[in-house]
Protein backbone atom coordinates (compact mmCIF):
# COMPACT_ATOMS: atom_id res chain seq x y z
CA MET A 1 8.79 65.78 180.91
CA THR A 2 9.49 64.81 184.47
CA ALA A 3 8.82 61.51 186.17
CA ARG A 4 8.34 60.54 189.79
CA GLY A 5 7.39 56.92 190.25
CA ARG A 6 4.50 56.26 187.89
CA ALA A 7 3.51 59.94 187.64
CA ARG A 8 4.51 61.97 184.58
CA ARG A 9 4.39 65.73 184.12
CA VAL A 10 4.84 67.65 180.88
CA VAL A 11 6.14 71.20 181.31
CA ASP A 12 6.57 73.82 178.57
CA ARG A 13 9.03 76.34 179.99
CA SER A 14 9.22 78.64 177.00
CA PRO A 15 8.66 82.34 177.71
CA ALA A 16 5.86 82.59 175.16
CA PRO A 17 3.06 80.24 174.11
CA THR A 18 4.42 77.67 171.69
CA ASP A 19 3.27 74.90 169.41
CA ALA A 20 3.97 72.34 172.17
CA ALA A 21 0.94 70.25 173.04
CA VAL A 22 -0.07 66.90 174.36
CA SER A 23 -1.91 65.15 171.56
CA HIS A 24 -2.47 61.69 170.17
CA PRO A 25 0.84 59.89 169.61
CA PHE A 26 -0.14 58.88 166.08
CA PHE A 27 -0.40 62.53 165.01
CA SER A 28 3.40 62.84 164.92
CA ALA A 29 3.75 59.65 162.92
CA VAL A 30 1.14 60.79 160.40
CA THR A 31 3.04 64.05 159.96
CA LEU A 32 6.28 62.16 159.45
CA LEU A 33 4.91 59.51 157.11
CA ASP A 34 2.42 61.57 155.10
CA PHE A 35 4.06 64.99 154.80
CA GLU A 36 7.79 64.37 154.93
CA PRO A 37 9.47 62.51 152.09
CA VAL A 38 10.77 59.20 153.41
CA PRO A 39 14.01 58.36 151.63
CA GLY A 40 14.20 54.97 150.02
CA THR A 41 11.60 52.64 148.59
CA ALA A 42 7.93 52.21 149.40
CA GLN A 43 8.90 49.07 151.31
CA GLN A 44 11.25 51.12 153.51
CA ALA A 45 8.44 53.58 154.21
CA ASP A 46 6.19 50.66 155.17
CA ASP A 47 8.96 49.32 157.43
CA LEU A 48 9.24 52.72 159.13
CA ARG A 49 5.50 52.74 159.78
CA ALA A 50 5.61 49.18 161.11
CA SER A 51 8.52 50.09 163.38
CA TYR A 52 6.56 53.00 164.82
CA LEU A 53 3.43 50.93 165.40
CA ARG A 54 5.17 47.82 166.81
CA PRO A 55 5.56 49.12 170.41
CA TRP A 56 1.94 50.28 170.43
CA ALA A 57 0.75 46.88 169.26
CA ALA A 58 2.83 45.24 171.99
CA ALA A 59 1.48 47.59 174.66
CA TYR A 60 -2.13 47.11 173.52
CA PRO A 61 -2.31 43.57 172.11
CA HIS A 62 -6.12 43.51 171.95
CA ALA A 63 -6.36 46.77 170.01
CA ASP A 64 -6.31 47.07 166.25
CA VAL A 65 -3.38 49.51 166.09
CA GLU A 66 -3.40 49.62 162.29
CA ALA A 67 -7.06 50.67 162.26
CA ALA A 68 -6.41 53.26 164.97
CA PHE A 69 -3.54 54.68 162.95
CA GLU A 70 -5.70 54.93 159.84
CA ALA A 71 -8.46 56.61 161.88
CA ALA A 72 -5.93 59.11 163.23
CA ARG A 73 -4.83 60.21 159.76
CA PRO A 74 -7.63 62.69 158.94
CA LEU A 75 -7.68 63.91 162.54
CA ALA A 76 -3.93 64.58 162.43
CA VAL A 77 -4.35 66.65 159.27
CA LEU A 78 -7.19 68.62 160.88
CA HIS A 79 -5.11 69.13 164.05
CA ALA A 80 -2.17 70.44 162.02
CA ALA A 81 -4.41 72.81 160.08
CA LEU A 82 -6.05 74.18 163.22
CA VAL A 83 -2.72 74.69 164.98
CA ARG A 84 -1.40 76.62 162.00
CA TRP A 85 -4.57 78.67 161.61
CA PHE A 86 -5.07 79.67 165.24
CA ARG A 87 -1.51 79.71 166.55
CA LEU A 88 0.89 80.44 163.73
CA LEU A 89 -0.94 82.60 161.18
CA PRO A 90 -1.71 85.47 163.57
CA ALA A 91 2.04 85.83 164.15
CA VAL A 92 3.11 86.21 160.52
CA THR A 93 3.71 89.60 158.96
CA PRO A 94 1.47 91.02 156.21
CA ARG A 95 4.21 90.34 153.65
CA GLU A 96 4.45 86.69 154.73
CA LYS A 97 0.66 86.36 154.51
CA TRP A 98 0.85 87.53 150.89
CA GLU A 99 3.72 85.13 150.15
CA PHE A 100 1.76 82.19 151.60
CA MET A 101 -1.46 83.40 149.91
CA VAL A 102 -3.27 83.84 153.20
CA LEU A 103 -5.37 86.97 153.00
């Protein structure tokens, strides 16, 4: 990402198409909180979620950030599935397809 004044530009300089994308910022949090084991107690997982949402709530005080996060959950799962289906699966070998039960 580059910045000049208030303008921002995202550049993917990899030689081949990658998984990089501009998407909703809650998609990353959903992936972290729903699919990766968070070490510690349930309270610590809740604290991690609250820490992630706190800056968004401060930036958008009139928005219901908790409701937006919950609404993003199923969309984040769909986004992850589509990325894997259309971008990653075509690149795997026939043996890997068998191992992952993708025929």
